[in-house]
């Protein structure tokens, strides 16, 4: 994450926002390409899945979490309330 500026900024922003204890960032593969997304395990919140490529560009199209292979958490705060 330290090598990808936009991802590093996303981590910094996510760590300081309200409800940060519910935030996480995952990476995986979508159609064979490395992707990243920000998520939330907040039980009372809604969030939209937006996949981003290594350059931080949003990937257009219709997809779900089931379409992403090899998902792994690459960041969550120390006080995370999410369980994976």
C-alpha atoms as a PDB file:
ATOM      1  CA  UNK A   1       0.000   0.000   0.000  1.00  0.00           C
ATOM      2  CA  UNK A   2       2.890   2.343   0.653  1.00  0.00           C
ATOM      3  CA  UNK A   3       3.875   2.172  -3.027  1.00  0.00           C
ATOM      4  CA  UNK A   4       0.452   3.160  -4.385  1.00  0.00           C
ATOM      5  CA  UNK A   5      -0.215   6.818  -3.568  1.00  0.00           C
ATOM      6  CA  UNK A   6      -3.997   6.806  -4.048  1.00  0.00           C
ATOM      7  CA  UNK A   7      -4.334   3.661  -1.904  1.00  0.00           C
ATOM      8  CA  UNK A   8      -2.170   5.118   0.840  1.00  0.00           C
ATOM      9  CA  UNK A   9      -4.382   8.232   0.836  1.00  0.00           C
ATOM     10  CA  UNK A  10      -7.522   6.065   1.012  1.00  0.00           C
ATOM     11  CA  UNK A  11      -6.132   4.329   4.095  1.00  0.00           C
ATOM     12  CA  UNK A  12      -5.296   7.650   5.751  1.00  0.00           C
ATOM     13  CA  UNK A  13      -8.749   9.053   4.977  1.00  0.00           C
ATOM     14  CA  UNK A  14     -10.547   5.905   6.121  1.00  0.00           C
ATOM     15  CA  UNK A  15      -8.663   5.799   9.407  1.00  0.00           C
ATOM     16  CA  UNK A  16      -9.769   9.287  10.400  1.00  0.00           C
ATOM     17  CA  UNK A  17     -13.429   9.274   9.320  1.00  0.00           C
ATOM     18  CA  UNK A  18     -16.362   8.667  11.629  1.00  0.00           C
ATOM     19  CA  UNK A  19     -17.282   4.986  11.884  1.00  0.00           C
ATOM     20  CA  UNK A  20     -13.731   4.067  10.869  1.00  0.00           C
ATOM     21  CA  UNK A  21     -13.996   0.973  13.066  1.00  0.00           C
ATOM     22  CA  UNK A  22     -16.265  -0.507  10.367  1.00  0.00           C
ATOM     23  CA  UNK A  23     -14.024   0.316   7.397  1.00  0.00           C
ATOM     24  CA  UNK A  24     -11.717  -2.013   5.516  1.00  0.00           C
ATOM     25  CA  UNK A  25      -9.919  -2.272   2.194  1.00  0.00           C
ATOM     26  CA  UNK A  26      -9.671  -5.486   0.225  1.00  0.00           C
ATOM     27  CA  UNK A  27      -7.879  -6.549  -2.903  1.00  0.00           C
ATOM     28  CA  UNK A  28      -8.704  -9.357  -5.266  1.00  0.00           C
ATOM     29  CA  UNK A  29      -8.970 -10.285  -8.901  1.00  0.00           C
ATOM     30  CA  UNK A  30     -11.731  -9.319 -11.274  1.00  0.00           C
ATOM     31  CA  UNK A  31     -11.576 -10.759 -14.785  1.00  0.00           C
ATOM     32  CA  UNK A  32      -7.932 -11.661 -14.153  1.00  0.00           C
ATOM     33  CA  UNK A  33      -6.914  -8.134 -13.132  1.00  0.00           C
ATOM     34  CA  UNK A  34      -5.824  -6.932  -9.687  1.00  0.00           C
ATOM     35  CA  UNK A  35      -8.510  -4.737  -8.099  1.00  0.00           C
ATOM     36  CA  UNK A  36      -9.103  -2.933  -4.819  1.00  0.00           C
ATOM     37  CA  UNK A  37     -12.216  -1.766  -3.006  1.00  0.00           C
ATOM     38  CA  UNK A  38     -13.215   0.024   0.171  1.00  0.00           C
ATOM     39  CA  UNK A  39     -15.886  -1.668   2.259  1.00  0.00           C
ATOM     40  CA  UNK A  40     -17.862  -1.296   5.443  1.00  0.00           C
ATOM     41  CA  UNK A  41     -19.228  -3.854   7.896  1.00  0.00           C
ATOM     42  CA  UNK A  42     -21.413  -1.236   9.598  1.00  0.00           C
ATOM     43  CA  UNK A  43     -24.730  -2.931  10.407  1.00  0.00           C
ATOM     44  CA  UNK A  44     -26.725   0.286   9.862  1.00  0.00           C
ATOM     45  CA  UNK A  45     -24.922   1.681   6.821  1.00  0.00           C
ATOM     46  CA  UNK A  46     -25.161   1.234   3.095  1.00  0.00           C
ATOM     47  CA  UNK A  47     -22.168   1.329   0.779  1.00  0.00           C
ATOM     48  CA  UNK A  48     -21.685   0.770  -2.916  1.00  0.00           C
ATOM     49  CA  UNK A  49     -19.093  -1.582  -4.340  1.00  0.00           C
ATOM     50  CA  UNK A  50     -16.678   0.357  -6.546  1.00  0.00           C
ATOM     51  CA  UNK A  51     -13.744  -1.609  -7.886  1.00  0.00           C
ATOM     52  CA  UNK A  52     -10.545   0.274  -8.667  1.00  0.00           C
ATOM     53  CA  UNK A  53      -7.582  -0.774 -10.749  1.00  0.00           C
ATOM     54  CA  UNK A  54      -3.955  -0.320  -9.656  1.00  0.00           C
ATOM     55  CA  UNK A  55      -4.038   3.277 -10.924  1.00  0.00           C
ATOM     56  CA  UNK A  56      -7.112   4.089  -8.822  1.00  0.00           C
ATOM     57  CA  UNK A  57      -9.490   4.268 -11.775  1.00  0.00           C
ATOM     58  CA  UNK A  58     -13.030   3.055 -11.139  1.00  0.00           C
ATOM     59  CA  UNK A  59     -13.898  -0.045 -13.127  1.00  0.00           C
ATOM     60  CA  UNK A  60     -17.152   0.362 -15.016  1.00  0.00           C
ATOM     61  CA  UNK A  61     -19.727  -2.397 -15.257  1.00  0.00           C
ATOM     62  CA  UNK A  62     -22.046  -4.487 -13.189  1.00  0.00           C
ATOM     63  CA  UNK A  63     -20.372  -6.731 -10.654  1.00  0.00           C
ATOM     64  CA  UNK A  64     -20.901  -8.107  -7.171  1.00  0.00           C
ATOM     65  CA  UNK A  65     -18.622  -9.331  -4.415  1.00  0.00           C
ATOM     66  CA  UNK A  66     -19.114 -12.844  -5.806  1.00  0.00           C
ATOM     67  CA  UNK A  67     -17.375 -11.756  -9.029  1.00  0.00           C
ATOM     68  CA  UNK A  68     -14.124 -10.984  -7.172  1.00  0.00           C
ATOM     69  CA  UNK A  69     -11.713 -13.864  -6.699  1.00  0.00           C
ATOM     70  CA  UNK A  70      -8.930 -14.264  -4.122  1.00  0.00           C
ATOM     71  CA  UNK A  71     -10.202 -11.472  -1.887  1.00  0.00           C
ATOM     72  CA  UNK A  72      -8.048 -10.536   1.056  1.00  0.00           C
ATOM     73  CA  UNK A  73      -8.116  -7.723   3.577  1.00  0.00           C
ATOM     74  CA  UNK A  74      -5.139  -5.433   3.092  1.00  0.00           C
ATOM     75  CA  UNK A  75      -6.168  -2.819   5.661  1.00  0.00           C
ATOM     76  CA  UNK A  76      -8.487  -2.419   8.610  1.00  0.00           C
ATOM     77  CA  UNK A  77      -8.051  -0.211  11.674  1.00  0.00           C
ATOM     78  CA  UNK A  78      -6.678  -1.617  14.901  1.00  0.00           C
ATOM     79  CA  UNK A  79     -10.078  -1.066  16.534  1.00  0.00           C
ATOM     80  CA  UNK A  80     -11.910  -2.856  13.711  1.00  0.00           C
ATOM     81  CA  UNK A  81     -15.301  -4.359  14.465  1.00  0.00           C
ATOM     82  CA  UNK A  82     -15.301  -6.370  11.230  1.00  0.00           C
ATOM     83  CA  UNK A  83     -14.716 -10.107  11.285  1.00  0.00           C
ATOM     84  CA  UNK A  84     -13.710 -11.998   8.165  1.00  0.00           C
END
